[in-house]
Structures are given as structure tokens and as C-alpha cells.
Amino acid sequence: MVSRTPIAVERSLRTLGQHVAAWRKLQRVTAAQLAARAGITRDTLRSIEQGTGTTSSENLLRVLRVLGVMEAVVASADPYSTDVGKLRVDEQLPQRVRS
């Protein structure tokens, strides 16, 4: 069963794609140049920039690396940079979380 992509996820994909396109344009890099430097096709870059959600996370990270923002994007997902993470930094995480 394939579930529909939640609206918030679709919106975030579009926003992230717009950010990628803006970074590319700010750096005066053509889509063809960015795709070549990232080792992906122009169509894959178009999918990322349009936020279709059909590309792999690896391809997205390849593009972000070329644009010089990969580390910042990955760091933004660090749970220990949040208030909850800072409070629980000394706790040992469980090996598995079971329901």
C-alpha cells in the first residue's frame, strides 16, 4: 500500500527545492554545471529543485555538498542541538525503541 505524501512534506520538498535553486543562482552556477559537479543528471537536479520528492537523499546531499551547505543542513537535524537534546545529552540512548 502506497500512502499519499503529507501536505507538510510536499510543502517542505518544494521549499527545499527553491532554496537549492536560489543557492545555485546566488553562486552563478548553471543547472548543467551543478548537475555535472554533483555527478547527477540534469533531470535529477530538476526534480530536486522542483521538490517532486522522487530523488534519493544521496543525490540531494551531493548537490548540497557542491553548493557548500551540506554540513549546515545535516547539522540542523542534530537532536542534541535542541532543548530536549541538551537536557538529555548525558542519558544513554537505548539500542532499540519498541512499541
C-alpha atoms as a PDB file:
ATOM      1  CA  MET A   1       0.000   0.000   0.000  1.00  0.00           C
ATOM      2  CA  VAL A   2       1.430   3.361  -1.015  1.00  0.00           C
ATOM      3  CA  SER A   3       0.350   6.266   1.116  1.00  0.00           C
ATOM      4  CA  ARG A   4      -0.117   9.803  -0.115  1.00  0.00           C
ATOM      5  CA  THR A   5       2.652  12.245   0.713  1.00  0.00           C
ATOM      6  CA  PRO A   6       1.533  14.502   3.577  1.00  0.00           C
ATOM      7  CA  ILE A   7       0.890  18.124   2.577  1.00  0.00           C
ATOM      8  CA  ALA A   8       3.525  19.413   5.019  1.00  0.00           C
ATOM      9  CA  VAL A   9       6.122  17.117   3.427  1.00  0.00           C
ATOM     10  CA  GLU A  10       5.165  18.250  -0.087  1.00  0.00           C
ATOM     11  CA  ARG A  11       5.454  21.872   1.005  1.00  0.00           C
ATOM     12  CA  SER A  12       8.858  21.271   2.587  1.00  0.00           C
ATOM     13  CA  LEU A  13      10.131  19.488  -0.522  1.00  0.00           C
ATOM     14  CA  ARG A  14       9.104  22.466  -2.651  1.00  0.00           C
ATOM     15  CA  THR A  15      10.683  24.923  -0.213  1.00  0.00           C
ATOM     16  CA  LEU A  16      13.919  22.945  -0.029  1.00  0.00           C
ATOM     17  CA  GLY A  17      13.991  22.787  -3.833  1.00  0.00           C
ATOM     18  CA  GLN A  18      13.516  26.543  -4.037  1.00  0.00           C
ATOM     19  CA  HIS A  19      16.389  27.005  -1.602  1.00  0.00           C
ATOM     20  CA  VAL A  20      18.642  24.759  -3.701  1.00  0.00           C
ATOM     21  CA  ALA A  21      17.779  26.725  -6.840  1.00  0.00           C
ATOM     22  CA  ALA A  22      18.431  30.027  -5.052  1.00  0.00           C
ATOM     23  CA  TRP A  23      21.827  28.810  -3.755  1.00  0.00           C
ATOM     24  CA  ARG A  24      22.727  27.741  -7.291  1.00  0.00           C
ATOM     25  CA  LYS A  25      21.744  31.094  -8.751  1.00  0.00           C
ATOM     26  CA  LEU A  26      23.469  33.080  -5.994  1.00  0.00           C
ATOM     27  CA  GLN A  27      26.672  31.223  -6.846  1.00  0.00           C
ATOM     28  CA  ARG A  28      26.153  31.905 -10.567  1.00  0.00           C
ATOM     29  CA  VAL A  29      26.230  28.195 -11.408  1.00  0.00           C
ATOM     30  CA  THR A  30      24.118  26.832 -14.241  1.00  0.00           C
ATOM     31  CA  ALA A  31      21.932  23.803 -13.684  1.00  0.00           C
ATOM     32  CA  ALA A  32      24.086  21.815 -16.108  1.00  0.00           C
ATOM     33  CA  GLN A  33      27.260  22.773 -14.226  1.00  0.00           C
ATOM     34  CA  LEU A  34      25.797  21.872 -10.839  1.00  0.00           C
ATOM     35  CA  ALA A  35      24.472  18.549 -12.083  1.00  0.00           C
ATOM     36  CA  ALA A  36      27.848  17.670 -13.601  1.00  0.00           C
ATOM     37  CA  ARG A  37      29.763  18.647 -10.447  1.00  0.00           C
ATOM     38  CA  ALA A  38      27.372  16.632  -8.290  1.00  0.00           C
ATOM     39  CA  GLY A  39      27.573  13.605 -10.588  1.00  0.00           C
ATOM     40  CA  ILE A  40      23.843  13.539 -11.304  1.00  0.00           C
ATOM     41  CA  THR A  41      21.700  14.123 -14.357  1.00  0.00           C
ATOM     42  CA  ARG A  42      20.083  17.437 -15.203  1.00  0.00           C
ATOM     43  CA  ASP A  43      16.685  15.760 -14.793  1.00  0.00           C
ATOM     44  CA  THR A  44      17.579  14.680 -11.252  1.00  0.00           C
ATOM     45  CA  LEU A  45      18.595  18.241 -10.384  1.00  0.00           C
ATOM     46  CA  ARG A  46      15.324  19.480 -11.871  1.00  0.00           C
ATOM     47  CA  SER A  47      13.438  17.039  -9.600  1.00  0.00           C
ATOM     48  CA  ILE A  48      15.317  18.359  -6.567  1.00  0.00           C
ATOM     49  CA  GLU A  49      14.702  21.996  -7.471  1.00  0.00           C
ATOM     50  CA  GLN A  50      11.020  21.369  -8.202  1.00  0.00           C
ATOM     51  CA  GLY A  51      10.597  19.398  -4.980  1.00  0.00           C
ATOM     52  CA  THR A  52       8.987  16.375  -6.572  1.00  0.00           C
ATOM     53  CA  GLY A  53      10.320  14.025  -3.894  1.00  0.00           C
ATOM     54  CA  THR A  54      11.422  11.452  -6.447  1.00  0.00           C
ATOM     55  CA  THR A  55      15.178  11.740  -5.945  1.00  0.00           C
ATOM     56  CA  SER A  56      17.352   9.927  -3.441  1.00  0.00           C
ATOM     57  CA  SER A  57      18.718  11.529  -0.312  1.00  0.00           C
ATOM     58  CA  GLU A  58      22.210  10.786  -1.632  1.00  0.00           C
ATOM     59  CA  ASN A  59      21.596  12.881  -4.744  1.00  0.00           C
ATOM     60  CA  LEU A  60      20.237  15.722  -2.631  1.00  0.00           C
ATOM     61  CA  LEU A  61      23.326  15.595  -0.411  1.00  0.00           C
ATOM     62  CA  ARG A  62      25.597  15.541  -3.471  1.00  0.00           C
ATOM     63  CA  VAL A  63      24.016  18.789  -4.660  1.00  0.00           C
ATOM     64  CA  LEU A  64      24.164  20.383  -1.214  1.00  0.00           C
ATOM     65  CA  ARG A  65      27.853  19.416  -0.932  1.00  0.00           C
ATOM     66  CA  VAL A  66      28.693  21.136  -4.215  1.00  0.00           C
ATOM     67  CA  LEU A  67      26.776  24.218  -3.075  1.00  0.00           C
ATOM     68  CA  GLY A  68      28.737  24.212   0.186  1.00  0.00           C
ATOM     69  CA  VAL A  69      25.752  23.854   2.520  1.00  0.00           C
ATOM     70  CA  MET A  70      25.618  20.108   3.143  1.00  0.00           C
ATOM     71  CA  GLU A  71      27.227  20.253   6.587  1.00  0.00           C
ATOM     72  CA  ALA A  72      24.869  23.013   7.749  1.00  0.00           C
ATOM     73  CA  VAL A  73      21.802  21.110   6.534  1.00  0.00           C
ATOM     74  CA  VAL A  74      22.925  17.882   8.194  1.00  0.00           C
ATOM     75  CA  ALA A  75      23.836  19.734  11.408  1.00  0.00           C
ATOM     76  CA  SER A  76      20.361  21.264  11.515  1.00  0.00           C
ATOM     77  CA  ALA A  77      18.965  17.771  12.164  1.00  0.00           C
ATOM     78  CA  ASP A  78      21.245  17.198  15.181  1.00  0.00           C
ATOM     79  CA  PRO A  79      18.947  16.240  18.059  1.00  0.00           C
ATOM     80  CA  TYR A  80      21.499  17.432  20.616  1.00  0.00           C
ATOM     81  CA  SER A  81      21.213  20.997  19.369  1.00  0.00           C
ATOM     82  CA  THR A  82      17.603  21.140  20.585  1.00  0.00           C
ATOM     83  CA  ASP A  83      16.433  21.975  24.099  1.00  0.00           C
ATOM     84  CA  VAL A  84      15.315  18.379  24.686  1.00  0.00           C
ATOM     85  CA  GLY A  85      18.603  17.029  23.362  1.00  0.00           C
ATOM     86  CA  LYS A  86      20.607  19.376  25.569  1.00  0.00           C
ATOM     87  CA  LEU A  87      18.635  18.221  28.622  1.00  0.00           C
ATOM     88  CA  ARG A  88      19.181  14.559  27.811  1.00  0.00           C
ATOM     89  CA  VAL A  89      22.739  14.721  26.462  1.00  0.00           C
ATOM     90  CA  ASP A  90      24.086  12.641  29.363  1.00  0.00           C
ATOM     91  CA  GLU A  91      21.482   9.895  29.018  1.00  0.00           C
ATOM     92  CA  GLN A  92      22.439   6.701  27.269  1.00  0.00           C
ATOM     93  CA  LEU A  93      20.231   6.127  24.249  1.00  0.00           C
ATOM     94  CA  PRO A  94      18.503   2.762  24.052  1.00  0.00           C
ATOM     95  CA  GLN A  95      19.775   0.297  21.457  1.00  0.00           C
ATOM     96  CA  ARG A  96      16.213  -0.170  20.217  1.00  0.00           C
ATOM     97  CA  VAL A  97      12.898   1.552  20.761  1.00  0.00           C
ATOM     98  CA  ARG A  98       9.998  -0.883  20.960  1.00  0.00           C
ATOM     99  CA  SER A  99       6.287  -0.261  20.927  1.00  0.00           C
END
